[in-house]
Amino acid sequence: MTMTYIGNTTRHWYRNYKTRAQLARLPDYILKDVGLKRADVIRETSKPFWRQ
């Protein structure tokens, strides 16, 4: 493995962690505007950070 690959993977995992945390904080009225339900958010945010 190269350092570039490790760096890219780490950044990708961190981005997953941060965006899922942000998603979890959105109120229901905004989720509705973008076509999501709270159950969708729970399913997504329960994934480990390394999963797509």
N, C-alpha and C. Protein backbone atom coordinates (compact mmCIF):
# COMPACT_ATOMS: atom_id res chain seq x y z
N MET A 1 0.84 -1.19 0.00
CA MET A 1 0.00 0.00 0.00
C MET A 1 0.87 1.24 0.00
N THR A 2 0.43 2.19 -0.74
CA THR A 2 1.19 3.43 -0.77
C THR A 2 0.63 4.42 0.24
N MET A 3 1.43 5.40 0.56
CA MET A 3 0.98 6.43 1.50
C MET A 3 -0.18 7.22 0.91
N THR A 4 -0.20 7.40 -0.41
CA THR A 4 -1.31 8.12 -1.05
C THR A 4 -2.61 7.36 -0.84
N TYR A 5 -2.58 6.05 -1.04
CA TYR A 5 -3.77 5.23 -0.86
C TYR A 5 -4.26 5.30 0.58
N ILE A 6 -3.35 5.21 1.52
CA ILE A 6 -3.72 5.28 2.94
C ILE A 6 -4.31 6.64 3.26
N GLY A 7 -3.70 7.70 2.75
CA GLY A 7 -4.21 9.04 2.99
C GLY A 7 -5.59 9.24 2.39
N ASN A 8 -5.78 8.77 1.17
CA ASN A 8 -7.09 8.91 0.52
C ASN A 8 -8.15 8.12 1.26
N THR A 9 -7.82 6.93 1.69
CA THR A 9 -8.77 6.10 2.42
C THR A 9 -9.15 6.74 3.75
N THR A 10 -8.17 7.26 4.44
CA THR A 10 -8.42 7.92 5.72
C THR A 10 -9.31 9.14 5.53
N ARG A 11 -9.06 9.94 4.50
CA ARG A 11 -9.90 11.11 4.23
C ARG A 11 -11.33 10.69 3.89
N HIS A 12 -11.46 9.63 3.12
CA HIS A 12 -12.78 9.12 2.76
C HIS A 12 -13.54 8.68 4.01
N TRP A 13 -12.89 7.95 4.89
CA TRP A 13 -13.53 7.49 6.13
C TRP A 13 -13.94 8.68 7.00
N TYR A 14 -13.07 9.67 7.09
CA TYR A 14 -13.38 10.85 7.90
C TYR A 14 -14.57 11.60 7.32
N ARG A 15 -14.62 11.72 6.00
CA ARG A 15 -15.74 12.38 5.34
C ARG A 15 -17.04 11.62 5.62
N ASN A 16 -17.01 10.28 5.57
CA ASN A 16 -18.19 9.48 5.91
C ASN A 16 -18.64 9.79 7.34
N TYR A 17 -17.71 9.80 8.25
CA TYR A 17 -18.02 10.07 9.67
C TYR A 17 -18.67 11.44 9.83
N LYS A 18 -18.07 12.46 9.24
CA LYS A 18 -18.56 13.83 9.40
C LYS A 18 -19.92 14.02 8.73
N THR A 19 -20.11 13.55 7.52
CA THR A 19 -21.37 13.77 6.82
C THR A 19 -22.51 12.99 7.48
N ARG A 20 -22.22 11.82 7.99
CA ARG A 20 -23.27 11.07 8.70
C ARG A 20 -23.64 11.77 10.00
N ALA A 21 -22.68 12.34 10.67
CA ALA A 21 -22.97 13.09 11.90
C ALA A 21 -23.82 14.32 11.58
N GLN A 22 -23.52 15.01 10.49
CA GLN A 22 -24.30 16.17 10.09
C GLN A 22 -25.71 15.76 9.70
N LEU A 23 -25.83 14.67 8.97
CA LEU A 23 -27.13 14.16 8.56
C LEU A 23 -28.00 13.85 9.79
N ALA A 24 -27.41 13.26 10.80
CA ALA A 24 -28.15 12.89 12.00
C ALA A 24 -28.71 14.11 12.73
N ARG A 25 -28.07 15.26 12.58
CA ARG A 25 -28.51 16.47 13.27
C ARG A 25 -29.59 17.25 12.53
N LEU A 26 -29.88 16.88 11.28
CA LEU A 26 -30.88 17.63 10.52
C LEU A 26 -32.28 17.40 11.08
N PRO A 27 -33.07 18.47 11.16
CA PRO A 27 -34.45 18.32 11.63
C PRO A 27 -35.32 17.64 10.57
N ASP A 28 -36.42 17.10 11.02
CA ASP A 28 -37.31 16.34 10.13
C ASP A 28 -37.83 17.17 8.96
N TYR A 29 -38.10 18.46 9.16
CA TYR A 29 -38.64 19.25 8.06
C TYR A 29 -37.63 19.42 6.92
N ILE A 30 -36.35 19.45 7.23
CA ILE A 30 -35.35 19.53 6.18
C ILE A 30 -35.20 18.16 5.50
N LEU A 31 -35.23 17.10 6.28
CA LEU A 31 -35.17 15.76 5.69
C LEU A 31 -36.32 15.57 4.69
N LYS A 32 -37.50 16.03 5.07
CA LYS A 32 -38.65 15.92 4.19
C LYS A 32 -38.41 16.69 2.89
N ASP A 33 -37.82 17.86 2.98
CA ASP A 33 -37.52 18.66 1.79
C ASP A 33 -36.60 17.94 0.81
N VAL A 34 -35.69 17.14 1.33
CA VAL A 34 -34.76 16.43 0.45
C VAL A 34 -35.19 14.99 0.17
N GLY A 35 -36.39 14.63 0.64
CA GLY A 35 -36.95 13.33 0.31
C GLY A 35 -36.46 12.18 1.18
N LEU A 36 -36.05 12.49 2.41
CA LEU A 36 -35.60 11.44 3.33
C LEU A 36 -36.54 11.35 4.52
N LYS A 37 -36.57 10.18 5.10
CA LYS A 37 -37.33 9.96 6.34
C LYS A 37 -36.33 9.69 7.45
N ARG A 38 -36.77 9.87 8.68
CA ARG A 38 -35.89 9.64 9.83
C ARG A 38 -35.35 8.21 9.81
N ALA A 39 -36.16 7.25 9.36
CA ALA A 39 -35.70 5.85 9.28
C ALA A 39 -34.53 5.71 8.30
N ASP A 40 -34.55 6.48 7.20
CA ASP A 40 -33.44 6.46 6.25
C ASP A 40 -32.16 6.97 6.91
N VAL A 41 -32.32 8.02 7.69
CA VAL A 41 -31.17 8.62 8.39
C VAL A 41 -30.61 7.64 9.41
N ILE A 42 -31.49 7.00 10.16
CA ILE A 42 -31.03 6.04 11.17
C ILE A 42 -30.27 4.90 10.50
N ARG A 43 -30.80 4.41 9.39
CA ARG A 43 -30.13 3.33 8.66
C ARG A 43 -28.74 3.76 8.19
N GLU A 44 -28.65 4.97 7.64
CA GLU A 44 -27.37 5.46 7.12
C GLU A 44 -26.37 5.74 8.24
N THR A 45 -26.84 6.37 9.30
CA THR A 45 -25.91 6.77 10.37
C THR A 45 -25.50 5.60 11.26
N SER A 46 -26.19 4.49 11.15
CA SER A 46 -25.80 3.33 11.95
C SER A 46 -24.68 2.52 11.29
N LYS A 47 -24.35 2.87 10.06
CA LYS A 47 -23.25 2.17 9.36
C LYS A 47 -21.91 2.57 9.97
N PRO A 48 -20.96 1.65 10.00
CA PRO A 48 -19.61 2.02 10.41
C PRO A 48 -19.00 3.00 9.39
N PHE A 49 -18.08 3.82 9.82
CA PHE A 49 -17.52 4.86 8.96
C PHE A 49 -16.83 4.30 7.71
N TRP A 50 -16.40 3.05 7.75
CA TRP A 50 -15.69 2.50 6.60
C TRP A 50 -16.62 1.90 5.55
N ARG A 51 -17.92 1.85 5.83
CA ARG A 51 -18.88 1.29 4.87
C ARG A 51 -19.42 2.37 3.96
N GLN A 52 -19.71 2.01 2.75
CA GLN A 52 -20.32 2.93 1.78
C GLN A 52 -21.76 3.13 2.08
